[in-house]
Protein backbone atom coordinates (compact mmCIF):
# COMPACT_ATOMS: atom_id res chain seq x y z
CA MET A 1 79.55 1.60 -89.20
CA LYS A 2 82.35 3.78 -89.68
CA ILE A 3 83.70 5.95 -87.02
CA LEU A 4 86.64 8.57 -87.42
CA VAL A 5 88.75 10.02 -83.86
CA ILE A 6 90.47 13.01 -84.44
CA ASN A 7 93.07 13.27 -82.29
CA LEU A 8 95.35 16.04 -83.52
CA MET A 9 97.69 16.05 -80.11
CA ARG A 10 100.75 15.02 -78.65
CA LEU A 11 102.08 11.46 -77.74
CA GLY A 12 100.45 11.42 -74.02
CA ASP A 13 97.03 12.64 -75.34
CA ILE A 14 97.03 9.81 -77.87
CA ILE A 15 97.73 7.40 -75.16
CA GLN A 16 94.87 8.71 -72.81
CA SER A 17 92.63 8.26 -75.76
CA GLU A 18 93.34 4.71 -75.52
CA PRO A 19 89.91 3.91 -73.42
CA LEU A 20 87.93 6.13 -75.60
CA LEU A 21 88.78 3.54 -78.52
CA ARG A 22 88.08 0.57 -75.94
CA GLY A 23 84.91 1.91 -75.17
CA LEU A 24 83.77 2.72 -78.95
CA LYS A 25 84.72 -0.57 -80.06
CA LYS A 26 82.67 -1.76 -76.71
CA ARG A 27 79.54 0.13 -77.63
CA TYR A 28 79.67 -0.49 -81.43
CA PRO A 29 81.36 -4.14 -81.85
CA ASN A 30 80.77 -4.39 -85.52
CA ALA A 31 82.24 -0.61 -86.25
CA GLU A 32 85.13 -0.08 -88.34
CA ILE A 33 87.11 2.44 -85.92
CA HIS A 34 89.39 4.88 -87.93
CA LEU A 35 92.23 7.02 -85.88
CA LEU A 36 93.40 10.58 -87.31
CA VAL A 37 96.72 11.65 -85.86
CA TYR A 38 99.69 14.15 -86.64
CA SER A 39 102.75 12.12 -88.28
CA ASN A 40 105.25 13.46 -85.62
CA PHE A 41 103.42 11.16 -83.47
CA ALA A 42 102.09 8.57 -85.27
CA HIS A 43 104.40 5.81 -83.83
CA THR A 44 102.40 6.22 -80.69
CA THR A 45 99.90 4.51 -82.30
CA GLU A 46 102.15 1.13 -82.32
CA ILE A 47 101.48 0.72 -78.56
CA ILE A 48 97.51 0.98 -78.12
CA SER A 49 94.95 -0.94 -79.81
CA HIS A 50 91.13 -1.10 -80.57
CA PHE A 51 91.28 0.59 -84.08
CA ASP A 52 91.17 -0.41 -87.41
CA LYS A 53 92.76 2.03 -89.70
CA LEU A 54 95.14 4.78 -89.22
CA HIS A 55 95.42 7.98 -91.07
CA ILE A 56 98.64 10.24 -90.65
CA ILE A 57 98.49 14.06 -91.59
CA ASP A 58 101.86 15.07 -92.69
CA THR A 59 103.10 17.83 -90.05
CA LYS A 60 105.68 18.85 -92.21
CA ARG A 61 103.81 20.10 -95.25
CA ILE A 62 101.58 21.68 -92.55
CA TYR A 63 104.54 23.72 -91.37
CA ASP A 64 105.10 24.90 -94.75
CA ILE A 65 101.75 26.39 -95.10
CA VAL A 66 102.34 28.44 -91.60
CA ASN A 67 105.92 29.41 -92.89
CA LEU A 68 104.11 30.76 -95.93
CA GLU A 69 106.48 29.01 -98.45
CA LYS A 70 104.72 30.59 -101.64
CA ARG A 71 106.87 27.84 -104.02
CA VAL A 72 105.46 24.89 -102.27
CA LEU A 73 102.03 26.03 -101.66
CA PRO A 74 100.60 24.38 -104.87
CA VAL A 75 101.84 21.07 -103.57
CA ILE A 76 100.58 21.47 -100.21
CA PHE A 77 96.77 22.57 -101.45
CA THR A 78 97.11 19.10 -104.22
CA TYR A 79 98.23 17.14 -100.90
CA LEU A 80 95.36 18.43 -98.48
CA ARG A 81 92.87 18.28 -101.07
CA ASP A 82 93.40 14.42 -102.04
CA PHE A 83 93.85 13.80 -98.29
CA PHE A 84 90.77 14.86 -97.41
CA HIS A 85 88.83 13.68 -100.35
CA LYS A 86 90.16 10.15 -99.44
CA LEU A 87 88.74 10.87 -95.79
CA LYS A 88 85.26 11.92 -97.31
CA ASP A 89 85.29 8.78 -99.23
CA GLU A 90 85.34 6.68 -96.22
CA ARG A 91 81.50 8.31 -95.59
CA PHE A 92 81.78 8.26 -91.82
CA ASP A 93 78.69 7.65 -89.75
CA LEU A 94 80.27 9.09 -86.80
CA ILE A 95 83.08 11.72 -86.26
CA VAL A 96 84.55 11.94 -82.71
CA ASN A 97 86.63 15.06 -82.72
CA ILE A 98 88.44 15.34 -79.32
CA THR A 99 91.10 17.99 -80.51
CA PRO A 100 89.78 21.28 -78.99
CA SER A 101 91.38 23.36 -81.28
CA ASN A 102 89.66 25.37 -84.67
CA ILE A 103 92.44 22.98 -86.55
CA GLY A 104 90.43 19.99 -85.18
CA GLY A 105 86.97 21.56 -85.67
CA LEU A 106 87.91 22.67 -89.65
CA THR A 107 89.28 18.75 -89.92
CA ALA A 108 85.93 17.22 -88.50
CA THR A 109 83.92 19.45 -91.16
CA LEU A 110 86.29 18.60 -94.37
CA CYS A 111 85.55 14.64 -93.18
CA HIS A 112 82.29 14.90 -93.55
CA GLY A 113 80.74 12.82 -91.25
CA LYS A 114 76.86 12.01 -90.82
CA GLU A 115 77.32 13.18 -87.17
CA ILE A 116 80.03 14.94 -85.12
CA TYR A 117 80.57 14.73 -81.42
CA GLY A 118 83.05 18.23 -80.51
CA GLY A 119 83.76 20.88 -82.37
CA TYR A 120 83.45 21.51 -86.21
CA ILE A 121 83.34 24.65 -88.52
CA ASN A 122 79.65 25.44 -90.47
CA GLN A 123 79.13 26.59 -93.81
CA LYS A 124 79.34 29.89 -92.76
CA GLY A 125 83.10 29.46 -91.30
CA LEU A 126 82.08 29.78 -87.61
CA ARG A 127 82.91 27.10 -85.15
CA VAL A 128 80.43 25.18 -83.59
CA ILE A 129 80.37 22.74 -80.64
CA ASN A 130 77.18 20.95 -80.25
CA ASN A 131 78.12 18.48 -77.55
CA PRO A 132 77.70 20.03 -73.79
CA TRP A 133 80.79 17.58 -72.84
CA ALA A 134 82.91 18.92 -75.57
CA ARG A 135 82.03 22.26 -74.87
CA TYR A 136 83.09 21.70 -70.86
CA PHE A 137 86.39 20.70 -72.43
CA HIS A 138 86.94 23.54 -74.70
CA ILE A 139 86.34 25.64 -71.54
CA VAL A 140 88.49 24.20 -68.92
CA SER A 141 91.45 24.25 -71.41
CA GLU A 142 91.20 27.65 -71.44
CA VAL A 143 90.07 28.69 -67.62
CA ARG A 144 92.09 25.66 -66.18
CA ASN A 145 91.85 26.65 -62.63
CA CYS A 146 87.96 24.90 -62.31
CA ASN A 147 88.76 21.63 -63.43
CA ASN A 148 89.10 18.14 -61.57
CA ILE A 149 88.32 15.72 -64.14
CA ASN A 150 91.09 14.15 -66.14
CA VAL A 151 91.45 14.48 -69.96
CA VAL A 152 90.85 10.66 -70.15
CA ASP A 153 87.25 10.71 -68.75
CA LEU A 154 86.67 13.63 -70.75
CA PHE A 155 87.53 11.98 -74.08
CA MET A 156 85.04 9.37 -73.33
CA LYS A 157 82.73 11.76 -71.94
CA GLU A 158 82.66 13.62 -75.25
CA ALA A 159 81.83 10.61 -77.04
CA MET A 160 78.66 9.95 -74.86
CA LEU A 161 80.46 6.90 -73.36
CA THR A 162 80.55 6.25 -69.60
CA PRO A 163 84.14 6.12 -68.17
CA CYS A 164 83.89 2.46 -66.78
CA PHE A 165 87.90 1.10 -67.48
CA LYS A 166 89.88 2.63 -64.67
CA SER A 167 93.02 2.14 -66.66
CA LEU A 168 94.90 2.52 -69.33
CA LYS A 169 96.06 -0.29 -71.91
CA VAL A 170 99.29 -0.22 -73.68
CA LYS A 171 100.55 -3.36 -76.02
CA ILE A 172 103.80 -5.06 -74.99
CA GLU A 173 105.01 -7.44 -78.01
CA LYS A 174 108.01 -8.82 -76.79
CA PRO A 175 110.08 -8.50 -73.40
CA TYR A 176 113.21 -6.17 -73.10
CA ARG A 177 116.40 -8.06 -71.73
CA MET A 178 118.32 -5.68 -69.36
CA VAL A 179 121.90 -6.32 -68.50
CA GLY A 180 122.57 -6.77 -65.04
CA LYS A 181 118.94 -7.23 -63.93
CA ASN A 182 119.97 -8.36 -60.25
CA ALA A 183 118.94 -5.99 -57.99
CA GLN A 184 115.64 -6.42 -55.60
CA TYR A 185 113.98 -3.22 -57.31
CA LEU A 186 114.21 -1.55 -60.49
CA VAL A 187 113.14 2.16 -60.68
CA ALA A 188 113.27 4.17 -64.02
CA LEU A 189 113.74 7.52 -64.36
CA HIS A 190 112.70 9.67 -66.94
CA LEU A 191 114.27 13.09 -66.80
CA GLY A 192 112.64 14.98 -69.43
CA ALA A 193 109.24 16.94 -70.31
CA SER A 194 107.74 18.18 -73.28
CA LYS A 195 108.96 21.66 -72.37
CA LYS A 196 112.40 22.48 -70.35
CA ASN A 197 110.35 24.58 -67.67
CA ARG A 198 108.44 21.54 -66.93
CA SER A 199 111.62 19.54 -66.11
CA TRP A 200 112.50 18.79 -62.40
CA PRO A 201 116.71 19.55 -62.35
CA PRO A 202 118.31 16.21 -63.11
CA GLU A 203 120.70 16.87 -59.88
CA ASN A 204 117.77 16.74 -58.09
CA PHE A 205 116.81 12.89 -59.51
CA ALA A 206 120.50 12.07 -58.71
CA GLU A 207 119.76 13.08 -55.55
CA VAL A 208 116.80 11.21 -54.97
CA ALA A 209 118.88 7.90 -56.37
CA ARG A 210 121.71 8.42 -53.98
CA ILE A 211 119.06 8.44 -50.96
CA LEU A 212 117.60 5.21 -51.98
CA LYS A 213 120.31 3.53 -53.15
CA ARG A 214 121.93 4.31 -49.48
CA GLU A 215 118.79 2.22 -48.06
CA LEU A 216 117.36 -0.42 -51.06
CA ASP A 217 119.01 -2.93 -53.23
CA ILE A 218 118.09 -0.68 -56.40
CA GLN A 219 119.02 -0.50 -59.95
CA PHE A 220 118.20 2.63 -61.70
CA ILE A 221 117.13 2.85 -65.36
CA LEU A 222 117.45 6.63 -67.14
CA LEU A 223 114.75 6.69 -69.84
CA GLY A 224 114.83 9.58 -72.14
CA THR A 225 114.58 10.47 -76.19
CA PRO A 226 118.22 11.40 -77.86
CA GLN A 227 117.39 15.14 -77.48
CA GLU A 228 117.04 14.21 -73.52
CA LYS A 229 121.09 13.10 -73.47
CA VAL A 230 122.28 16.17 -71.77
CA LEU A 231 120.24 15.75 -69.05
CA ALA A 232 121.24 12.21 -68.73
CA GLU A 233 125.11 13.55 -68.54
CA ARG A 234 124.00 16.07 -65.80
CA PHE A 235 122.63 13.27 -63.99
CA LEU A 236 125.45 10.95 -64.31
CA LYS A 237 127.78 13.89 -62.93
CA TYR A 238 126.25 13.29 -59.56
CA PHE A 239 125.36 9.43 -59.79
CA SER A 240 126.65 6.29 -61.67
CA LEU A 241 125.99 3.61 -59.31
CA ASP A 242 124.17 0.58 -60.67
CA CYS A 243 122.52 3.02 -63.15
CA LEU A 244 121.61 1.23 -66.72
CA ASN A 245 121.67 4.27 -69.13
CA LEU A 246 119.36 3.80 -72.02
CA VAL A 247 118.84 7.65 -72.70
CA GLY A 248 118.23 7.61 -76.91
CA LYS A 249 118.43 4.17 -77.06
CA THR A 250 114.82 2.58 -77.12
CA ASP A 251 111.44 3.04 -79.25
CA LEU A 252 108.26 3.35 -77.92
CA LYS A 253 107.74 -0.49 -78.09
CA ALA A 254 110.87 -0.81 -76.07
CA LEU A 255 109.91 1.43 -73.59
CA ALA A 256 106.64 0.16 -72.96
CA ALA A 257 108.35 -3.04 -72.75
CA ILE A 258 110.94 -1.91 -70.15
CA LEU A 259 108.46 -0.13 -67.87
CA SER A 260 106.26 -3.33 -67.46
CA GLN A 261 109.51 -4.68 -65.71
CA VAL A 262 110.15 -1.97 -63.39
CA ASN A 263 108.73 -1.30 -59.69
CA LEU A 264 108.36 2.24 -60.15
CA LEU A 265 108.59 5.19 -62.50
CA ILE A 266 109.83 8.93 -61.34
CA CYS A 267 109.11 11.44 -63.66
CA ASN A 268 107.76 14.49 -64.82
CA ASP A 269 104.62 15.25 -66.65
CA THR A 270 105.53 13.30 -69.66
CA GLY A 271 104.43 10.66 -72.16
CA PRO A 272 106.43 8.02 -70.73
CA MET A 273 103.95 8.65 -67.42
CA HIS A 274 101.04 7.54 -69.26
CA VAL A 275 102.83 4.40 -70.80
CA ALA A 276 104.17 3.30 -67.21
CA CYS A 277 100.31 3.61 -66.45
CA GLY A 278 99.31 1.84 -69.23
CA VAL A 279 101.26 -1.32 -68.50
CA GLY A 280 100.41 -1.45 -64.61
CA THR A 281 103.42 0.44 -63.21
CA LYS A 282 103.04 2.80 -60.32
CA VAL A 283 104.38 6.44 -60.99
CA ILE A 284 105.79 9.19 -58.78
CA SER A 285 105.14 12.59 -60.91
CA ILE A 286 106.25 15.73 -60.56
CA PHE A 287 104.01 18.87 -61.85
CA LEU A 288 105.94 21.85 -62.59
CA ALA A 289 104.76 25.17 -64.75
CA THR A 290 101.90 24.92 -66.81
CA ALA A 291 101.49 20.99 -65.87
CA ASN A 292 98.07 20.51 -64.07
CA PRO A 293 97.74 17.09 -62.47
CA HIS A 294 93.99 17.39 -62.47
CA GLU A 295 94.24 17.57 -66.36
CA THR A 296 96.93 15.15 -67.44
CA GLY A 297 97.80 13.37 -64.17
CA PRO A 298 98.40 9.42 -64.15
CA TYR A 299 95.42 7.62 -64.87
CA GLY A 300 94.46 4.57 -62.70
CA GLU A 301 94.62 3.83 -58.87
CA GLY A 302 97.63 4.60 -56.57
CA HIS A 303 99.65 6.82 -58.06
CA LEU A 304 101.53 9.91 -56.19
CA VAL A 305 101.55 13.38 -57.62
CA ILE A 306 103.58 16.20 -56.61
CA GLU A 307 103.17 19.76 -57.21
CA PRO A 308 104.41 23.15 -55.43
CA GLU A 309 102.42 24.82 -53.31
CA ILE A 310 102.69 28.55 -54.74
CA PRO A 311 99.99 30.67 -55.74
CA CYS A 312 101.10 30.72 -59.57
CA HIS A 313 100.92 27.28 -60.28
CA PRO A 314 99.95 25.88 -62.36
CA CYS A 315 100.68 29.20 -64.68
CA ASP A 316 99.16 30.24 -67.78
CA TYR A 317 100.78 29.00 -70.96
CA GLU A 318 101.75 32.50 -72.42
CA VAL A 319 103.53 33.60 -68.73
CA GLU A 320 107.29 33.41 -69.35
CA CYS A 321 108.47 32.54 -65.73
CA LYS A 322 111.90 33.97 -65.17
CA HIS A 323 112.51 32.62 -61.61
CA HIS A 324 111.12 28.93 -61.85
CA TYR A 325 110.79 29.01 -58.18
CA CYS A 326 108.25 25.73 -58.57
CA HIS A 327 111.50 23.90 -59.47
CA ARG A 328 113.45 24.62 -56.22
CA VAL A 329 110.39 23.84 -53.88
CA ILE A 330 110.22 20.51 -54.42
CA THR A 331 113.23 18.58 -52.80
CA PRO A 332 114.87 15.14 -53.40
CA ASP A 333 114.17 13.87 -49.66
CA VAL A 334 110.20 14.19 -50.18
CA VAL A 335 110.54 12.39 -53.84
CA ALA A 336 112.64 9.65 -52.00
CA LYS A 337 110.18 9.34 -49.09
CA LEU A 338 107.04 8.76 -51.27
CA ALA A 339 109.21 6.42 -53.34
CA LYS A 340 110.07 4.02 -50.23
CA HIS A 341 106.30 4.52 -49.25
CA ILE A 342 105.58 2.59 -52.72
CA LEU A 343 108.38 0.11 -53.09
CA ILE A 344 108.77 -1.08 -49.15
CA GLY A 345 105.32 0.48 -47.74
CA GLU A 346 106.99 2.96 -45.53
CA SER A 347 104.65 4.74 -43.44
CA LEU A 348 104.31 8.56 -44.80
CA SER A 349 104.85 11.64 -42.97
CA THR A 350 102.66 14.20 -43.82
CA ASP A 351 104.71 17.12 -42.72
CA PHE A 352 105.26 18.47 -46.10
CA LYS A 353 106.22 21.98 -46.38
CA GLY A 354 105.94 24.09 -49.94
CA ILE A 355 104.33 21.24 -51.49
CA ARG A 356 101.08 19.18 -52.25
CA VAL A 357 100.93 15.52 -52.75
CA PHE A 358 98.00 13.45 -54.00
CA TYR A 359 97.07 10.17 -54.60
CA SER A 360 94.63 8.83 -57.53
CA GLY A 361 91.73 7.21 -56.85
CA PHE A 362 88.26 7.03 -58.39
CA SER A 363 85.11 8.73 -57.44
CA ASN A 364 81.73 7.36 -56.88
CA ASP A 365 80.73 8.44 -60.49
CA GLY A 366 83.54 6.21 -61.74
CA MET A 367 85.96 8.85 -63.08
CA LEU A 368 89.67 9.61 -61.74
CA GLU A 369 90.16 12.25 -58.99
CA LEU A 370 93.59 13.39 -57.22
CA PHE A 371 93.15 13.45 -53.28
CA PRO A 372 95.43 15.20 -50.75
CA LEU A 373 97.66 13.27 -48.71
CA LYS A 374 97.16 15.82 -45.81
CA PRO A 375 94.47 18.71 -45.96
CA LEU A 376 95.70 21.70 -47.99
CA ASP A 377 95.71 25.37 -47.20
CA TRP A 378 92.21 26.79 -47.86
CA SER A 379 91.76 28.93 -51.05
CA ILE A 380 88.62 29.90 -52.82
CA ASP A 381 89.75 28.86 -56.27
CA ARG A 382 90.07 25.21 -55.08
CA PHE A 383 86.85 25.38 -53.39
CA VAL A 384 85.21 26.08 -56.29
CA MET A 385 87.20 23.69 -58.20
CA LEU A 386 85.08 20.81 -55.58
CA LEU A 387 81.94 22.50 -56.27
CA TRP A 388 82.61 22.52 -59.99
CA ARG A 389 83.69 18.86 -59.70
CA ALA A 390 80.01 18.03 -58.13
CA PHE A 391 77.93 20.16 -60.06
CA PHE A 392 78.79 19.97 -63.71
CA PRO A 393 79.06 16.47 -64.26
CA ALA A 394 75.44 16.05 -62.76
CA TYR A 395 73.95 19.02 -64.87
CA LEU A 396 75.36 18.08 -68.24
CA GLU A 397 73.54 14.67 -67.53
CA GLY A 398 70.60 15.74 -65.97
CA LYS A 399 71.27 13.83 -62.68
CA SER A 400 70.98 14.80 -59.10
CA ILE A 401 74.32 16.14 -57.10
CA ASP A 402 75.89 13.76 -54.55
CA ILE A 403 75.99 15.99 -51.54
CA LYS A 404 77.38 14.21 -49.21
CA ASP A 405 80.17 13.10 -51.55
CA MET A 406 80.77 16.72 -52.06
CA LEU A 407 80.87 17.67 -48.42
CA ASP A 408 83.32 14.65 -47.48
CA LYS A 409 85.60 15.91 -50.51
CA ILE A 410 85.56 19.44 -49.16
CA GLU A 411 86.90 17.80 -45.62
CA GLN A 412 89.19 15.83 -47.12
CA TYR A 413 90.81 18.46 -48.80
CA PHE A 414 90.89 21.74 -46.52
CA GLY A 415 90.49 19.57 -42.53
CA LYS A 416 87.53 19.42 -40.45
CA GLU A 417 85.43 22.31 -39.64
CA VAL A 418 86.66 23.97 -42.74
CA THR A 419 82.98 25.27 -43.89
CA ARG A 420 82.44 27.18 -39.83
CA LYS A 421 85.84 28.45 -40.29
CA LYS A 422 85.68 29.81 -43.71
CA TYR A 423 81.79 30.81 -43.66
CA LEU A 424 82.07 34.57 -44.29
CA GLU A 425 84.33 33.95 -47.32
CA ILE A 426 81.85 31.03 -48.44
CA LYS A 427 78.69 33.02 -47.62
CA ARG A 428 79.85 36.21 -49.78
CA GLN A 429 80.26 33.82 -52.79
CA ILE A 430 76.41 33.93 -52.64
CA ASP A 431 76.46 37.40 -53.20
CA ILE A 432 79.25 37.48 -55.95
CA LEU A 433 76.86 34.73 -57.87
CA ASP A 434 73.93 36.85 -57.06
CA GLU A 435 75.16 39.77 -59.23
CA LEU A 436 75.76 37.41 -62.39
CA ILE A 437 72.08 36.05 -62.15
CA PHE A 438 71.33 39.78 -62.14
CA PHE A 439 73.17 40.32 -65.35
CA ALA A 440 71.65 37.41 -66.96
CA LYS A 441 68.02 38.09 -66.06
CA ASN A 442 68.54 41.64 -67.97
CA GLY A 443 70.06 39.75 -71.00
CA GLU A 444 66.69 37.26 -70.71
CA TYR A 445 64.75 40.51 -70.68
CA TYR A 446 66.41 42.35 -73.52
CA SER A 447 66.38 38.81 -75.54
CA LYS A 448 62.54 38.79 -75.04
CA LYS A 449 61.84 42.31 -75.85
CA ILE A 450 63.54 41.77 -79.14
CA ILE A 451 61.62 38.49 -79.78
CA GLU A 452 58.35 40.56 -79.07
CA HIS A 453 59.55 43.64 -81.24
CA LEU A 454 60.32 41.31 -84.39
CA LYS A 455 56.92 39.55 -84.14
CA MET A 456 55.42 43.50 -84.49
CA GLY A 457 57.99 44.81 -87.12
CA ASN A 458 59.15 47.52 -84.73
CA PHE A 459 63.08 47.17 -86.23
CA LEU A 460 64.29 50.38 -84.70
CA PHE A 461 63.16 49.12 -81.32
CA VAL A 462 65.15 45.72 -81.72
CA SER A 463 68.21 48.03 -82.65
CA ASN A 464 67.84 49.71 -79.37
CA TRP A 465 67.52 46.33 -77.26
CA LEU A 466 70.31 44.90 -78.94
CA ASN A 467 72.42 47.67 -78.02
CA LEU A 468 71.64 47.01 -74.17
CA LEU A 469 71.90 43.30 -74.65
CA ASN A 470 75.58 44.24 -76.12
CA GLU A 471 76.14 45.84 -72.69
CA THR A 472 74.70 42.93 -70.74
CA ASP A 473 77.40 40.83 -72.34
CA ASP A 474 80.13 43.45 -71.40
CA TYR A 475 78.98 43.40 -67.78
CA ILE A 476 79.07 39.52 -67.95
CA ARG A 477 82.56 39.20 -69.20
CA ALA A 478 83.65 42.01 -66.78
CA TRP A 479 82.27 39.59 -63.78
CA GLY A 480 83.82 36.99 -64.92
CA HIS A 481 87.42 38.75 -64.77
CA ARG A 482 86.88 40.21 -61.27
CA ASN A 483 86.04 36.87 -60.37
CA PRO A 484 88.67 34.41 -61.71
CA ALA A 485 88.03 31.68 -59.62
CA TRP A 486 84.23 31.73 -61.32
CA LYS A 487 85.23 32.96 -64.47
CA GLY A 488 84.26 29.34 -65.99
CA LEU A 489 80.29 30.34 -65.71
CA THR A 490 80.95 33.04 -68.02
CA GLU A 491 83.21 31.22 -70.44
CA PHE A 492 80.78 28.62 -70.68
CA PHE A 493 78.00 31.00 -71.36
CA PHE A 494 79.76 32.54 -74.11
CA LEU A 495 80.84 29.23 -75.80
CA GLU A 496 77.32 28.55 -75.78
CA LYS A 497 76.13 31.67 -77.69
CA LEU A 498 78.90 31.29 -80.19
CA SER A 499 78.05 27.54 -80.66
CA GLU A 500 74.55 28.03 -81.58
CA GLU A 501 73.92 27.31 -85.56
CA GLU A 502 73.08 30.57 -87.06
CA GLY A 503 69.66 31.17 -88.06
CA ASP A 504 67.46 34.16 -88.77
CA ILE A 505 67.29 36.93 -86.17
CA LYS A 506 64.14 35.70 -84.74
CA GLU A 507 65.70 32.10 -83.98
CA MET A 508 68.94 33.53 -82.79
CA ALA A 509 67.00 35.81 -80.63
CA VAL A 510 65.30 32.77 -79.12
CA LYS A 511 68.70 30.82 -78.80
CA ASN A 512 70.06 33.78 -76.89
CA LYS A 513 66.98 33.88 -74.73
CA GLN A 514 68.06 30.05 -73.67
CA CYS A 515 71.54 30.70 -73.16
CA TYR A 516 70.75 33.45 -70.34
CA LEU A 517 68.16 31.06 -69.03
CA ARG A 518 71.04 28.59 -68.72
CA LEU A 519 73.70 30.94 -67.29
CA MET A 520 70.66 31.56 -64.16
CA GLU A 521 70.00 27.99 -64.00
CA GLN A 522 73.73 27.03 -63.76
CA THR A 523 74.59 30.03 -61.36
CA ARG A 524 71.50 29.18 -59.03
CA GLY A 525 72.70 25.74 -59.04
CA PHE A 526 75.96 26.74 -57.42
CA MET A 527 74.52 28.99 -55.09
CA GLU A 528 72.28 26.00 -53.90
CA LEU A 529 75.53 24.24 -53.17
CA ILE A 530 77.02 26.66 -51.19
CA LYS A 531 73.92 27.26 -49.20
CA ASN A 532 74.16 23.04 -48.72
CA CYS A 533 77.72 24.02 -47.07
CA LEU A 534 76.37 26.61 -45.11
CA LYS A 535 73.38 24.42 -43.89
CA GLU A 536 75.77 21.37 -42.53
CA VAL A 537 77.33 24.39 -40.30
CA TYR A 538 73.78 25.74 -39.41
CA HIS A 539 71.55 22.86 -38.79
CA ASP A 540 69.12 23.47 -41.85
CA CYS A 541 68.13 26.79 -40.87
CA TYR A 542 70.53 29.39 -43.51
CA SER A 543 67.77 31.74 -43.84
CA GLU A 544 67.43 32.75 -40.47
CA TRP A 545 70.92 33.13 -39.06
CA LYS A 546 72.71 36.35 -39.53
CA GLY A 547 76.21 36.87 -39.36
CA ASN A 548 77.92 34.11 -37.47
CA VAL A 549 74.91 33.35 -34.92
CA CYS A 550 71.69 31.53 -36.07
CA PHE A 551 69.08 32.68 -33.81
CA SER A 552 66.56 30.08 -34.75
CA CYS A 553 69.19 27.75 -32.68
CA LEU A 554 69.74 29.96 -30.03
CA GLY A 555 66.15 30.48 -29.21
CA LYS A 556 65.91 26.73 -28.78
CA SER A 557 68.51 26.61 -26.37
């Protein structure tokens, strides 16, 4: 058996796919596992295992296509034709495409596997995503506020695997000898990130180092790429005592070896964070701008994550921020306190202001989750995120929802009595979802009418019903824009419609009808979850209470 994993993403994503490769090897021990990556991140594969053959797409040639340099197009065409012919000749039994983009889908199609998990492009040039978990991953890549599942677990779910490893694993070939390794604690600092707006100022890292150095015997190690030397220079203007500057002086293998020897890594959301997790080193990670810790936070038990508690975080990828307030709201003294907690077990005060601090752990379903160190301020977005986390894994796999676990997490996130304090806002969500059910019912009815008239050959009536169906879809799309906390529901619906393989008009009408029925089913599922929240407050007599008074309980008293 031959399996191809398509991972056309960045350094961190390749490391985060290690449990997926390990899981495939465990399920298919005799399979030959192939991995496809871009050339500019191919070196990442040197520190991960569980694949047998590596295929590399030359990224520079792809960029030449984008730049439309006509003189090189024949060369590029020949390169790509030969490249994909070689992949096709491998005759893959299974392709697992974890790249949520059109390029990933096109690549999966050109590789010609007998079976594909994830997106691909069909013969009519339309994208098809035939795996429910792959659809989920695609949706939460776009509607990011609803997701609370780490990409490590999503990668495994896309391949129909059960998350079970609870760690990343990175190879260490030989130890790295660090000059001056004589302090009680070794703390690594990685100052950079993939984008400038996701980097905490180097001066803040320096202040953290100064605070810790006053109280502990620490040697700091600066890590980074050659392009990040300017960040190291800014750091060293403020701090130079007992600091080993290795910025630009290590490859990825050396980085893994160094991180395996330190007690702690303090960093932004960046690839070395995942390397540290893979060698068992604790991490304090700062998530700024577009970085979302629920998506790409450190994978493993007991890591700490800091993010600003401001309405615009995490910002959308297309937003161009001019104030970068999130860089200033996280202060060095808080990061230093968290570092002392990890290094020497110092008790933590939870009077954080303007920030949210999470610790990583695993839920009952085996997937990673971030838990707040102290209750957060209420927001409907986060409340819906917790409902989404409870509902969709169970729904996609046909399992029952652990209501108690969901209620415990809501209390952990927002404090005790939150459903009583916020009952009006919670109850209002039922009315909001009821409107979506109304639209979905109309869509299901119009689809049924189209099927009936197709059977009778009344094509003029079919056209009228199609117009009503398109109008209904416009209402559903507008509902999603009006209710951004719930937009994931409508996006999931539209992606399901687009992902249906095309057939004749009758087959498409039947499939459309099923999409509306599933939208109703999902929406009703969320309504039931909300009613369960309210039942906990109103003693299982939700249908009998008006406003904030339960007349059934009032009569009993």
